[in-house]
């Protein structure tokens, strides 16, 4: 699975052997920060700082859970 910006789609997409998933802006912003180094709390703080918002924790956690369920992300031991 590979994340990339797709200019033709004007969106981040996840590419995998069976196809492609086009992400909305929020999903792209979250998943692009999932680098295996930052914690979810750090990602939330970065998003809140970048977009001048607060209270994003629940939405970020819900998306990360969805991404794990769909195997777009994996946890490292």
PDB file of N, CA and C in Angstrom:
ATOM      1  N   UNK A   1       0.850  -1.159   0.000  1.00  0.00           N
ATOM      2  CA  UNK A   1       0.000   0.000   0.000  1.00  0.00           C
ATOM      3  C   UNK A   1       0.902   1.229   0.000  1.00  0.00           C
ATOM      4  N   UNK A   2       0.525   2.187  -0.830  1.00  0.00           N
ATOM      5  CA  UNK A   2       1.326   3.403  -0.940  1.00  0.00           C
ATOM      6  C   UNK A   2       0.400   4.606  -0.986  1.00  0.00           C
ATOM      7  N   UNK A   3       0.768   5.643  -0.242  1.00  0.00           N
ATOM      8  CA  UNK A   3       0.032   6.894  -0.227  1.00  0.00           C
ATOM      9  C   UNK A   3       0.712   7.868  -1.163  1.00  0.00           C
ATOM     10  N   UNK A   4      -0.080   8.537  -1.991  1.00  0.00           N
ATOM     11  CA  UNK A   4       0.498   9.585  -2.828  1.00  0.00           C
ATOM     12  C   UNK A   4      -0.556  10.639  -3.134  1.00  0.00           C
ATOM     13  N   UNK A   5      -0.069  11.839  -3.485  1.00  0.00           N
ATOM     14  CA  UNK A   5      -0.950  12.909  -3.936  1.00  0.00           C
ATOM     15  C   UNK A   5      -1.208  12.686  -5.414  1.00  0.00           C
ATOM     16  N   UNK A   6      -2.453  12.708  -5.796  1.00  0.00           N
ATOM     17  CA  UNK A   6      -2.832  12.492  -7.193  1.00  0.00           C
ATOM     18  C   UNK A   6      -3.405  13.802  -7.735  1.00  0.00           C
ATOM     19  N   UNK A   7      -2.605  14.536  -8.522  1.00  0.00           N
ATOM     20  CA  UNK A   7      -3.075  15.831  -9.028  1.00  0.00           C
ATOM     21  C   UNK A   7      -4.376  15.737  -9.835  1.00  0.00           C
ATOM     22  N   UNK A   8      -4.535  14.702 -10.632  1.00  0.00           N
ATOM     23  CA  UNK A   8      -5.744  14.556 -11.440  1.00  0.00           C
ATOM     24  C   UNK A   8      -6.989  14.413 -10.564  1.00  0.00           C
ATOM     25  N   UNK A   9      -6.835  13.789  -9.402  1.00  0.00           N
ATOM     26  CA  UNK A   9      -7.947  13.605  -8.462  1.00  0.00           C
ATOM     27  C   UNK A   9      -8.047  14.774  -7.475  1.00  0.00           C
ATOM     28  N   UNK A  10      -6.982  15.577  -7.416  1.00  0.00           N
ATOM     29  CA  UNK A  10      -6.855  16.637  -6.420  1.00  0.00           C
ATOM     30  C   UNK A  10      -7.077  16.095  -5.014  1.00  0.00           C
ATOM     31  N   UNK A  11      -6.429  14.940  -4.749  1.00  0.00           N
ATOM     32  CA  UNK A  11      -6.621  14.265  -3.458  1.00  0.00           C
ATOM     33  C   UNK A  11      -5.478  13.289  -3.219  1.00  0.00           C
ATOM     34  N   UNK A  12      -5.300  12.937  -1.925  1.00  0.00           N
ATOM     35  CA  UNK A  12      -4.426  11.830  -1.600  1.00  0.00           C
ATOM     36  C   UNK A  12      -5.143  10.539  -1.979  1.00  0.00           C
ATOM     37  N   UNK A  13      -4.381   9.583  -2.472  1.00  0.00           N
ATOM     38  CA  UNK A  13      -4.930   8.271  -2.788  1.00  0.00           C
ATOM     39  C   UNK A  13      -4.043   7.199  -2.175  1.00  0.00           C
ATOM     40  N   UNK A  14      -4.648   6.084  -1.839  1.00  0.00           N
ATOM     41  CA  UNK A  14      -3.915   4.900  -1.408  1.00  0.00           C
ATOM     42  C   UNK A  14      -3.920   3.937  -2.584  1.00  0.00           C
ATOM     43  N   UNK A  15      -2.725   3.556  -3.011  1.00  0.00           N
ATOM     44  CA  UNK A  15      -2.597   2.625  -4.125  1.00  0.00           C
ATOM     45  C   UNK A  15      -2.232   1.257  -3.582  1.00  0.00           C
ATOM     46  N   UNK A  16      -2.891   0.234  -4.093  1.00  0.00           N
ATOM     47  CA  UNK A  16      -2.591  -1.139  -3.712  1.00  0.00           C
ATOM     48  C   UNK A  16      -2.822  -2.013  -4.930  1.00  0.00           C
ATOM     49  N   UNK A  17      -2.333  -3.252  -4.929  1.00  0.00           N
ATOM     50  CA  UNK A  17      -2.411  -4.075  -6.144  1.00  0.00           C
ATOM     51  C   UNK A  17      -3.812  -4.211  -6.733  1.00  0.00           C
ATOM     52  N   UNK A  18      -4.835  -4.241  -5.901  1.00  0.00           N
ATOM     53  CA  UNK A  18      -6.193  -4.446  -6.390  1.00  0.00           C
ATOM     54  C   UNK A  18      -6.873  -3.164  -6.830  1.00  0.00           C
ATOM     55  N   UNK A  19      -6.288  -2.009  -6.569  1.00  0.00           N
ATOM     56  CA  UNK A  19      -6.945  -0.774  -6.959  1.00  0.00           C
ATOM     57  C   UNK A  19      -6.442   0.443  -6.233  1.00  0.00           C
ATOM     58  N   UNK A  20      -7.357   1.388  -6.019  1.00  0.00           N
ATOM     59  CA  UNK A  20      -7.019   2.671  -5.444  1.00  0.00           C
ATOM     60  C   UNK A  20      -8.176   3.145  -4.575  1.00  0.00           C
ATOM     61  N   UNK A  21      -7.835   3.837  -3.488  1.00  0.00           N
ATOM     62  CA  UNK A  21      -8.831   4.471  -2.631  1.00  0.00           C
ATOM     63  C   UNK A  21      -8.540   5.964  -2.629  1.00  0.00           C
ATOM     64  N   UNK A  22      -9.521   6.754  -3.037  1.00  0.00           N
ATOM     65  CA  UNK A  22      -9.401   8.203  -2.986  1.00  0.00           C
ATOM     66  C   UNK A  22      -9.824   8.671  -1.602  1.00  0.00           C
ATOM     67  N   UNK A  23      -8.954   9.427  -0.940  1.00  0.00           N
ATOM     68  CA  UNK A  23      -9.229   9.905   0.410  1.00  0.00           C
ATOM     69  C   UNK A  23      -9.767  11.333   0.360  1.00  0.00           C
ATOM     70  N   UNK A  24     -10.682  11.639   1.263  1.00  0.00           N
ATOM     71  CA  UNK A  24     -11.114  13.037   1.358  1.00  0.00           C
ATOM     72  C   UNK A  24     -10.009  13.843   2.040  1.00  0.00           C
ATOM     73  N   UNK A  25     -10.182  15.155   2.107  1.00  0.00           N
ATOM     74  CA  UNK A  25      -9.132  16.014   2.656  1.00  0.00           C
ATOM     75  C   UNK A  25      -8.733  15.682   4.076  1.00  0.00           C
ATOM     76  N   UNK A  26      -9.718  15.421   4.919  1.00  0.00           N
ATOM     77  CA  UNK A  26      -9.418  15.096   6.324  1.00  0.00           C
ATOM     78  C   UNK A  26      -8.651  13.786   6.437  1.00  0.00           C
ATOM     79  N   UNK A  27      -9.101  12.774   5.716  1.00  0.00           N
ATOM     80  CA  UNK A  27      -8.439  11.472   5.760  1.00  0.00           C
ATOM     81  C   UNK A  27      -7.006  11.588   5.243  1.00  0.00           C
ATOM     82  N   UNK A  28      -6.820  12.338   4.164  1.00  0.00           N
ATOM     83  CA  UNK A  28      -5.472  12.536   3.632  1.00  0.00           C
ATOM     84  C   UNK A  28      -4.568  13.248   4.616  1.00  0.00           C
ATOM     85  N   UNK A  29      -5.117  14.263   5.299  1.00  0.00           N
ATOM     86  CA  UNK A  29      -4.332  15.005   6.291  1.00  0.00           C
ATOM     87  C   UNK A  29      -3.913  14.107   7.448  1.00  0.00           C
ATOM     88  N   UNK A  30      -4.805  13.227   7.867  1.00  0.00           N
ATOM     89  CA  UNK A  30      -4.481  12.328   8.983  1.00  0.00           C
ATOM     90  C   UNK A  30      -3.480  11.272   8.544  1.00  0.00           C
ATOM     91  N   UNK A  31      -3.792  10.557   7.484  1.00  0.00           N
ATOM     92  CA  UNK A  31      -2.957   9.408   7.106  1.00  0.00           C
ATOM     93  C   UNK A  31      -1.568   9.845   6.635  1.00  0.00           C
ATOM     94  N   UNK A  32      -1.465  11.041   6.078  1.00  0.00           N
ATOM     95  CA  UNK A  32      -0.149  11.511   5.650  1.00  0.00           C
ATOM     96  C   UNK A  32       0.766  11.792   6.837  1.00  0.00           C
ATOM     97  N   UNK A  33       0.193  11.953   8.016  1.00  0.00           N
ATOM     98  CA  UNK A  33       0.992  12.180   9.225  1.00  0.00           C
ATOM     99  C   UNK A  33       1.327  10.875   9.957  1.00  0.00           C
ATOM    100  N   UNK A  34       0.747   9.776   9.538  1.00  0.00           N
ATOM    101  CA  UNK A  34       1.000   8.476  10.168  1.00  0.00           C
ATOM    102  C   UNK A  34       2.307   7.930   9.610  1.00  0.00           C
ATOM    103  N   UNK A  35       3.392   8.265  10.299  1.00  0.00           N
ATOM    104  CA  UNK A  35       4.728   7.945   9.800  1.00  0.00           C
ATOM    105  C   UNK A  35       5.445   6.870  10.609  1.00  0.00           C
ATOM    106  N   UNK A  36       4.764   6.293  11.582  1.00  0.00           N
ATOM    107  CA  UNK A  36       5.408   5.277  12.402  1.00  0.00           C
ATOM    108  C   UNK A  36       6.249   5.854  13.526  1.00  0.00           C
ATOM    109  N   UNK A  37       6.337   7.174  13.588  1.00  0.00           N
ATOM    110  CA  UNK A  37       7.123   7.845  14.620  1.00  0.00           C
ATOM    111  C   UNK A  37       6.205   8.608  15.568  1.00  0.00           C
ATOM    112  N   UNK A  38       5.279   9.364  14.997  1.00  0.00           N
ATOM    113  CA  UNK A  38       4.377  10.182  15.799  1.00  0.00           C
ATOM    114  C   UNK A  38       3.268   9.340  16.422  1.00  0.00           C
ATOM    115  N   UNK A  39       2.886   9.717  17.617  1.00  0.00           N
ATOM    116  CA  UNK A  39       1.740   9.082  18.269  1.00  0.00           C
ATOM    117  C   UNK A  39       0.455   9.722  17.727  1.00  0.00           C
ATOM    118  N   UNK A  40      -0.670   9.090  18.015  1.00  0.00           N
ATOM    119  CA  UNK A  40      -1.947   9.661  17.608  1.00  0.00           C
ATOM    120  C   UNK A  40      -2.135  11.022  18.281  1.00  0.00           C
ATOM    121  N   UNK A  41      -1.744  11.135  19.530  1.00  0.00           N
ATOM    122  CA  UNK A  41      -1.861  12.421  20.236  1.00  0.00           C
ATOM    123  C   UNK A  41      -1.028  13.500  19.547  1.00  0.00           C
ATOM    124  N   UNK A  42       0.142  13.156  19.079  1.00  0.00           N
ATOM    125  CA  UNK A  42       0.986  14.123  18.362  1.00  0.00           C
ATOM    126  C   UNK A  42       0.364  14.508  17.021  1.00  0.00           C
ATOM    127  N   UNK A  43      -0.245  13.544  16.355  1.00  0.00           N
ATOM    128  CA  UNK A  43      -0.923  13.829  15.089  1.00  0.00           C
ATOM    129  C   UNK A  43      -2.105  14.769  15.330  1.00  0.00           C
ATOM    130  N   UNK A  44      -2.880  14.502  16.373  1.00  0.00           N
ATOM    131  CA  UNK A  44      -4.004  15.378  16.723  1.00  0.00           C
ATOM    132  C   UNK A  44      -3.504  16.793  16.996  1.00  0.00           C
ATOM    133  N   UNK A  45      -2.459  16.911  17.796  1.00  0.00           N
ATOM    134  CA  UNK A  45      -1.919  18.232  18.139  1.00  0.00           C
ATOM    135  C   UNK A  45      -1.438  18.965  16.883  1.00  0.00           C
ATOM    136  N   UNK A  46      -0.779  18.257  15.981  1.00  0.00           N
ATOM    137  CA  UNK A  46      -0.299  18.864  14.744  1.00  0.00           C
ATOM    138  C   UNK A  46      -1.467  19.340  13.879  1.00  0.00           C
ATOM    139  N   UNK A  47      -2.497  18.514  13.742  1.00  0.00           N
ATOM    140  CA  UNK A  47      -3.669  18.902  12.954  1.00  0.00           C
ATOM    141  C   UNK A  47      -4.371  20.115  13.570  1.00  0.00           C
ATOM    142  N   UNK A  48      -4.544  20.100  14.881  1.00  0.00           N
ATOM    143  CA  UNK A  48      -5.207  21.222  15.546  1.00  0.00           C
ATOM    144  C   UNK A  48      -4.400  22.505  15.373  1.00  0.00           C
ATOM    145  N   UNK A  49      -3.085  22.407  15.465  1.00  0.00           N
ATOM    146  CA  UNK A  49      -2.213  23.567  15.282  1.00  0.00           C
ATOM    147  C   UNK A  49      -2.264  24.047  13.825  1.00  0.00           C
ATOM    148  N   UNK A  50      -2.174  23.113  12.881  1.00  0.00           N
ATOM    149  CA  UNK A  50      -2.149  23.454  11.459  1.00  0.00           C
ATOM    150  C   UNK A  50      -3.436  24.124  11.007  1.00  0.00           C
ATOM    151  N   UNK A  51      -4.574  23.600  11.452  1.00  0.00           N
ATOM    152  CA  UNK A  51      -5.868  24.090  10.985  1.00  0.00           C
ATOM    153  C   UNK A  51      -6.558  25.049  11.955  1.00  0.00           C
ATOM    154  N   UNK A  52      -5.903  25.343  13.093  1.00  0.00           N
ATOM    155  CA  UNK A  52      -6.477  26.278  14.057  1.00  0.00           C
ATOM    156  C   UNK A  52      -7.778  25.786  14.669  1.00  0.00           C
ATOM    157  N   UNK A  53      -7.864  24.480  14.890  1.00  0.00           N
ATOM    158  CA  UNK A  53      -9.064  23.856  15.440  1.00  0.00           C
ATOM    159  C   UNK A  53      -8.755  23.182  16.768  1.00  0.00           C
ATOM    160  N   UNK A  54      -9.793  22.839  17.497  1.00  0.00           N
ATOM    161  CA  UNK A  54      -9.643  22.046  18.718  1.00  0.00           C
ATOM    162  C   UNK A  54     -10.669  20.922  18.681  1.00  0.00           C
ATOM    163  N   UNK A  55     -10.454  19.932  19.545  1.00  0.00           N
ATOM    164  CA  UNK A  55     -11.429  18.856  19.684  1.00  0.00           C
ATOM    165  C   UNK A  55     -11.426  17.836  18.558  1.00  0.00           C
ATOM    166  N   UNK A  56     -10.282  17.649  17.904  1.00  0.00           N
ATOM    167  CA  UNK A  56     -10.209  16.707  16.788  1.00  0.00           C
ATOM    168  C   UNK A  56      -9.906  15.274  17.207  1.00  0.00           C
ATOM    169  N   UNK A  57      -9.603  15.063  18.466  1.00  0.00           N
ATOM    170  CA  UNK A  57      -9.150  13.760  18.934  1.00  0.00           C
ATOM    171  C   UNK A  57     -10.107  12.626  18.561  1.00  0.00           C
ATOM    172  N   UNK A  58     -11.385  12.787  18.827  1.00  0.00           N
ATOM    173  CA  UNK A  58     -12.357  11.727  18.539  1.00  0.00           C
ATOM    174  C   UNK A  58     -12.415  11.368  17.066  1.00  0.00           C
ATOM    175  N   UNK A  59     -12.393  12.384  16.211  1.00  0.00           N
ATOM    176  CA  UNK A  59     -12.440  12.135  14.766  1.00  0.00           C
ATOM    177  C   UNK A  59     -11.172  11.443  14.276  1.00  0.00           C
ATOM    178  N   UNK A  60     -10.032  11.872  14.791  1.00  0.00           N
ATOM    179  CA  UNK A  60      -8.765  11.257  14.371  1.00  0.00           C
ATOM    180  C   UNK A  60      -8.713   9.799  14.835  1.00  0.00           C
ATOM    181  N   UNK A  61      -9.089   9.562  16.077  1.00  0.00           N
ATOM    182  CA  UNK A  61      -9.088   8.188  16.595  1.00  0.00           C
ATOM    183  C   UNK A  61     -10.047   7.314  15.789  1.00  0.00           C
ATOM    184  N   UNK A  62     -11.221   7.839  15.454  1.00  0.00           N
ATOM    185  CA  UNK A  62     -12.193   7.066  14.667  1.00  0.00           C
ATOM    186  C   UNK A  62     -11.625   6.738  13.287  1.00  0.00           C
ATOM    187  N   UNK A  63     -10.958   7.702  12.651  1.00  0.00           N
ATOM    188  CA  UNK A  63     -10.392   7.424  11.338  1.00  0.00           C
ATOM    189  C   UNK A  63      -9.249   6.423  11.427  1.00  0.00           C
ATOM    190  N   UNK A  64      -8.375   6.564  12.417  1.00  0.00           N
ATOM    191  CA  UNK A  64      -7.274   5.617  12.577  1.00  0.00           C
ATOM    192  C   UNK A  64      -7.824   4.206  12.805  1.00  0.00           C
ATOM    193  N   UNK A  65      -8.870   4.083  13.603  1.00  0.00           N
ATOM    194  CA  UNK A  65      -9.497   2.765  13.822  1.00  0.00           C
ATOM    195  C   UNK A  65     -10.029   2.197  12.512  1.00  0.00           C
ATOM    196  N   UNK A  66     -10.680   3.030  11.714  1.00  0.00           N
ATOM    197  CA  UNK A  66     -11.190   2.597  10.410  1.00  0.00           C
ATOM    198  C   UNK A  66     -10.042   2.171   9.499  1.00  0.00           C
ATOM    199  N   UNK A  67      -8.989   2.977   9.471  1.00  0.00           N
ATOM    200  CA  UNK A  67      -7.835   2.675   8.616  1.00  0.00           C
ATOM    201  C   UNK A  67      -7.150   1.377   9.038  1.00  0.00           C
ATOM    202  N   UNK A  68      -7.093   1.123  10.333  1.00  0.00           N
ATOM    203  CA  UNK A  68      -6.527  -0.144  10.810  1.00  0.00           C
ATOM    204  C   UNK A  68      -7.425  -1.306  10.395  1.00  0.00           C
ATOM    205  N   UNK A  69      -8.731  -1.131  10.537  1.00  0.00           N
ATOM    206  CA  UNK A  69      -9.690  -2.176  10.173  1.00  0.00           C
ATOM    207  C   UNK A  69      -9.607  -2.508   8.680  1.00  0.00           C
ATOM    208  N   UNK A  70      -9.408  -1.496   7.853  1.00  0.00           N
ATOM    209  CA  UNK A  70      -9.324  -1.702   6.409  1.00  0.00           C
ATOM    210  C   UNK A  70      -7.908  -2.059   5.950  1.00  0.00           C
ATOM    211  N   UNK A  71      -7.003  -2.125   6.927  1.00  0.00           N
ATOM    212  CA  UNK A  71      -5.590  -2.459   6.676  1.00  0.00           C
ATOM    213  C   UNK A  71      -4.871  -1.417   5.829  1.00  0.00           C
ATOM    214  N   UNK A  72      -5.339  -0.174   5.936  1.00  0.00           N
ATOM    215  CA  UNK A  72      -4.625   0.928   5.305  1.00  0.00           C
ATOM    216  C   UNK A  72      -3.432   1.310   6.157  1.00  0.00           C
ATOM    217  N   UNK A  73      -3.514   1.030   7.458  1.00  0.00           N
ATOM    218  CA  UNK A  73      -2.435   1.251   8.416  1.00  0.00           C
ATOM    219  C   UNK A  73      -2.197  -0.041   9.167  1.00  0.00           C
ATOM    220  N   UNK A  74      -1.005  -0.179   9.705  1.00  0.00           N
ATOM    221  CA  UNK A  74      -0.724  -1.316  10.575  1.00  0.00           C
ATOM    222  C   UNK A  74       0.074  -0.823  11.770  1.00  0.00           C
ATOM    223  N   UNK A  75      -0.148  -1.483  12.896  1.00  0.00           N
ATOM    224  CA  UNK A  75       0.578  -1.141  14.113  1.00  0.00           C
ATOM    225  C   UNK A  75       1.903  -1.878  14.130  1.00  0.00           C
ATOM    226  N   UNK A  76       2.922  -1.173  14.551  1.00  0.00           N
ATOM    227  CA  UNK A  76       4.242  -1.801  14.709  1.00  0.00           C
ATOM    228  C   UNK A  76       4.447  -2.157  16.163  1.00  0.00           C
ATOM    229  N   UNK A  77       5.018  -3.315  16.382  1.00  0.00           N
ATOM    230  CA  UNK A  77       5.265  -3.768  17.753  1.00  0.00           C
ATOM    231  C   UNK A  77       6.485  -3.096  18.337  1.00  0.00           C
TER     232      UNK A  77
END
